Amino acid sequence: MLLAVEGATIPFLRPLLTVHIFVGMLLLGPLALKLASTGYRFARFDTGSPPYRRKGPPPWAMRVLAPGVVLSTLALFGTGVALLLAGPDDSVQLKFLHKASFIAWFALMAVHVLGHILELP
């Protein structure tokens, strides 16, 4: 739900900048938890843990996509935090990097979400 709110602020960023920043900061906790849990599952599978091996690997396309999803997510949130810390004066390059990382993240996440469609009941 927070991602939806964050996305809804984008077309109206100037008047909703405070909401965008607040929700972005709220997302840092769940993001850290998601990256940790996914990284844990990845590590358990790759180190040969029997329960994780029995379940099997993710589809090859998802495994290939994963580094891009993680890196673009870290870039998006990292540049967001950097923008907050830098303030409005020194942020032209950071704004560009934040926008570029959003475009990359959105494209990769769209493919990632579509890759999970078949798992839905």
C-alpha atoms as a PDB file:
ATOM      1  CA  MET A   1       0.000   0.000   0.000  1.00  0.00           C
ATOM      2  CA  LEU A   2       2.860   2.366   0.802  1.00  0.00           C
ATOM      3  CA  LEU A   3       4.340   1.815  -2.666  1.00  0.00           C
ATOM      4  CA  ALA A   4       0.997   2.778  -4.190  1.00  0.00           C
ATOM      5  CA  VAL A   5       0.905   5.985  -2.136  1.00  0.00           C
ATOM      6  CA  GLU A   6       4.500   6.729  -3.100  1.00  0.00           C
ATOM      7  CA  GLY A   7       3.686   6.196  -6.766  1.00  0.00           C
ATOM      8  CA  ALA A   8       0.577   8.365  -6.536  1.00  0.00           C
ATOM      9  CA  THR A   9       2.674  11.318  -5.379  1.00  0.00           C
ATOM     10  CA  ILE A  10       4.911  11.265  -8.468  1.00  0.00           C
ATOM     11  CA  PRO A  11       2.589  13.077 -10.933  1.00  0.00           C
ATOM     12  CA  PHE A  12       1.982  15.777  -8.308  1.00  0.00           C
ATOM     13  CA  LEU A  13       5.440  15.859  -6.779  1.00  0.00           C
ATOM     14  CA  ARG A  14       5.785  19.558  -6.026  1.00  0.00           C
ATOM     15  CA  PRO A  15       2.704  19.870  -3.801  1.00  0.00           C
ATOM     16  CA  LEU A  16       3.145  16.345  -2.401  1.00  0.00           C
ATOM     17  CA  LEU A  17       6.916  16.356  -1.873  1.00  0.00           C
ATOM     18  CA  THR A  18       6.588  16.124   1.906  1.00  0.00           C
ATOM     19  CA  VAL A  19       4.303  13.079   1.571  1.00  0.00           C
ATOM     20  CA  HIS A  20       6.690  11.535  -0.994  1.00  0.00           C
ATOM     21  CA  ILE A  21       9.638  11.943   1.368  1.00  0.00           C
ATOM     22  CA  PHE A  22       7.723  10.732   4.427  1.00  0.00           C
ATOM     23  CA  VAL A  23       6.395   7.606   2.698  1.00  0.00           C
ATOM     24  CA  GLY A  24       9.810   6.925   1.158  1.00  0.00           C
ATOM     25  CA  MET A  25      11.379   6.985   4.611  1.00  0.00           C
ATOM     26  CA  LEU A  26       8.602   4.719   5.946  1.00  0.00           C
ATOM     27  CA  LEU A  27       9.433   2.224   3.198  1.00  0.00           C
ATOM     28  CA  LEU A  28      13.068   1.862   4.317  1.00  0.00           C
ATOM     29  CA  GLY A  29      12.194  -0.582   7.121  1.00  0.00           C
ATOM     30  CA  PRO A  30      10.056  -2.954   5.019  1.00  0.00           C
ATOM     31  CA  LEU A  31      12.613  -2.677   2.217  1.00  0.00           C
ATOM     32  CA  ALA A  32      15.448  -3.747   4.526  1.00  0.00           C
ATOM     33  CA  LEU A  33      13.344  -6.656   5.800  1.00  0.00           C
ATOM     34  CA  LYS A  34      12.449  -7.784   2.255  1.00  0.00           C
ATOM     35  CA  LEU A  35      16.060  -7.617   1.061  1.00  0.00           C
ATOM     36  CA  ALA A  36      17.247  -9.509   4.153  1.00  0.00           C
ATOM     37  CA  SER A  37      14.623 -12.267   3.870  1.00  0.00           C
ATOM     38  CA  THR A  38      15.146 -12.703   0.133  1.00  0.00           C
ATOM     39  CA  GLY A  39      18.922 -12.683   0.583  1.00  0.00           C
ATOM     40  CA  TYR A  40      18.584 -15.291   3.329  1.00  0.00           C
ATOM     41  CA  ARG A  41      16.511 -17.589   1.091  1.00  0.00           C
ATOM     42  CA  PHE A  42      18.993 -17.094  -1.747  1.00  0.00           C
ATOM     43  CA  ALA A  43      21.938 -17.916   0.528  1.00  0.00           C
ATOM     44  CA  ARG A  44      20.215 -20.986   2.031  1.00  0.00           C
ATOM     45  CA  PHE A  45      19.463 -22.373  -1.431  1.00  0.00           C
ATOM     46  CA  ASP A  46      22.956 -21.680  -2.761  1.00  0.00           C
ATOM     47  CA  THR A  47      24.642 -23.228   0.290  1.00  0.00           C
ATOM     48  CA  GLY A  48      22.697 -26.450  -0.247  1.00  0.00           C
ATOM     49  CA  SER A  49      20.166 -26.379   2.600  1.00  0.00           C
ATOM     50  CA  PRO A  50      17.937 -29.457   2.023  1.00  0.00           C
ATOM     51  CA  PRO A  51      14.541 -27.757   2.598  1.00  0.00           C
ATOM     52  CA  TYR A  52      15.439 -24.948   0.222  1.00  0.00           C
ATOM     53  CA  ARG A  53      16.889 -27.385  -2.325  1.00  0.00           C
ATOM     54  CA  ARG A  54      13.707 -29.485  -2.235  1.00  0.00           C
ATOM     55  CA  LYS A  55      11.640 -26.457  -3.120  1.00  0.00           C
ATOM     56  CA  GLY A  56      13.936 -25.881  -6.076  1.00  0.00           C
ATOM     57  CA  PRO A  57      15.416 -22.772  -7.631  1.00  0.00           C
ATOM     58  CA  PRO A  58      13.406 -19.849  -8.877  1.00  0.00           C
ATOM     59  CA  PRO A  59      12.870 -19.773 -12.638  1.00  0.00           C
ATOM     60  CA  TRP A  60      16.052 -18.857 -14.495  1.00  0.00           C
ATOM     61  CA  ALA A  61      14.610 -15.553 -15.732  1.00  0.00           C
ATOM     62  CA  MET A  62      13.881 -14.458 -12.167  1.00  0.00           C
ATOM     63  CA  ARG A  63      17.406 -15.392 -11.075  1.00  0.00           C
ATOM     64  CA  VAL A  64      18.873 -13.360 -13.937  1.00  0.00           C
ATOM     65  CA  LEU A  65      16.597 -10.417 -13.141  1.00  0.00           C
ATOM     66  CA  ALA A  66      17.300 -10.430  -9.378  1.00  0.00           C
ATOM     67  CA  PRO A  67      20.598  -8.484  -9.331  1.00  0.00           C
ATOM     68  CA  GLY A  68      19.062  -5.689 -11.406  1.00  0.00           C
ATOM     69  CA  VAL A  69      16.025  -5.509  -9.141  1.00  0.00           C
ATOM     70  CA  VAL A  70      18.193  -5.335  -6.028  1.00  0.00           C
ATOM     71  CA  LEU A  71      20.670  -2.816  -7.449  1.00  0.00           C
ATOM     72  CA  SER A  72      17.995  -0.526  -8.889  1.00  0.00           C
ATOM     73  CA  THR A  73      16.076  -0.673  -5.590  1.00  0.00           C
ATOM     74  CA  LEU A  74      19.188   0.254  -3.619  1.00  0.00           C
ATOM     75  CA  ALA A  75      19.988   3.034  -6.101  1.00  0.00           C
ATOM     76  CA  LEU A  76      16.448   4.416  -5.929  1.00  0.00           C
ATOM     77  CA  PHE A  77      16.254   4.505  -2.154  1.00  0.00           C
ATOM     78  CA  GLY A  78      19.914   5.488  -1.739  1.00  0.00           C
ATOM     79  CA  THR A  79      19.531   8.502  -4.003  1.00  0.00           C
ATOM     80  CA  GLY A  80      16.288   9.390  -2.216  1.00  0.00           C
ATOM     81  CA  VAL A  81      18.029   9.443   1.153  1.00  0.00           C
ATOM     82  CA  ALA A  82      20.973  11.337  -0.371  1.00  0.00           C
ATOM     83  CA  LEU A  83      18.560  13.952  -1.740  1.00  0.00           C
ATOM     84  CA  LEU A  84      17.045  14.373   1.690  1.00  0.00           C
ATOM     85  CA  LEU A  85      20.472  14.811   3.278  1.00  0.00           C
ATOM     86  CA  ALA A  86      21.837  17.102   0.544  1.00  0.00           C
ATOM     87  CA  GLY A  87      18.923  19.499   0.595  1.00  0.00           C
ATOM     88  CA  PRO A  88      17.491  21.424  -2.339  1.00  0.00           C
ATOM     89  CA  ASP A  89      20.620  23.375  -3.297  1.00  0.00           C
ATOM     90  CA  ASP A  90      23.142  20.676  -4.278  1.00  0.00           C
ATOM     91  CA  SER A  91      20.833  18.141  -5.818  1.00  0.00           C
ATOM     92  CA  VAL A  92      20.737  18.486  -9.640  1.00  0.00           C
ATOM     93  CA  GLN A  93      22.827  15.363 -10.244  1.00  0.00           C
ATOM     94  CA  LEU A  94      21.106  13.481  -7.426  1.00  0.00           C
ATOM     95  CA  LYS A  95      17.692  14.342  -8.868  1.00  0.00           C
ATOM     96  CA  PHE A  96      18.801  12.962 -12.237  1.00  0.00           C
ATOM     97  CA  LEU A  97      20.156   9.773 -10.632  1.00  0.00           C
ATOM     98  CA  HIS A  98      16.977   9.382  -8.567  1.00  0.00           C
ATOM     99  CA  LYS A  99      14.794   9.732 -11.670  1.00  0.00           C
ATOM    100  CA  ALA A 100      16.992   7.379 -13.720  1.00  0.00           C
ATOM    101  CA  SER A 101      17.037   4.761 -10.968  1.00  0.00           C
ATOM    102  CA  PHE A 102      13.241   5.027 -10.701  1.00  0.00           C
ATOM    103  CA  ILE A 103      12.858   4.322 -14.426  1.00  0.00           C
ATOM    104  CA  ALA A 104      15.181   1.306 -14.182  1.00  0.00           C
ATOM    105  CA  TRP A 105      13.475   0.092 -10.994  1.00  0.00           C
ATOM    106  CA  PHE A 106       9.979   0.456 -12.465  1.00  0.00           C
ATOM    107  CA  ALA A 107      10.888  -1.484 -15.617  1.00  0.00           C
ATOM    108  CA  LEU A 108      12.616  -4.279 -13.711  1.00  0.00           C
ATOM    109  CA  MET A 109       9.863  -4.499 -11.097  1.00  0.00           C
ATOM    110  CA  ALA A 110       7.195  -4.696 -13.809  1.00  0.00           C
ATOM    111  CA  VAL A 111       8.959  -7.725 -15.290  1.00  0.00           C
ATOM    112  CA  HIS A 112       9.504  -9.149 -11.785  1.00  0.00           C
ATOM    113  CA  VAL A 113       5.812  -8.824 -10.872  1.00  0.00           C
ATOM    114  CA  LEU A 114       4.749 -10.336 -14.195  1.00  0.00           C
ATOM    115  CA  GLY A 115       7.131 -13.223 -13.476  1.00  0.00           C
ATOM    116  CA  HIS A 116       5.109 -14.026 -10.358  1.00  0.00           C
ATOM    117  CA  ILE A 117       1.688 -13.868 -12.046  1.00  0.00           C
ATOM    118  CA  LEU A 118       1.537 -17.625 -12.582  1.00  0.00           C
ATOM    119  CA  GLU A 119       1.959 -18.218  -8.830  1.00  0.00           C
ATOM    120  CA  LEU A 120      -1.353 -16.513  -8.100  1.00  0.00           C
ATOM    121  CA  PRO A 121      -4.321 -18.798  -7.440  1.00  0.00           C
END
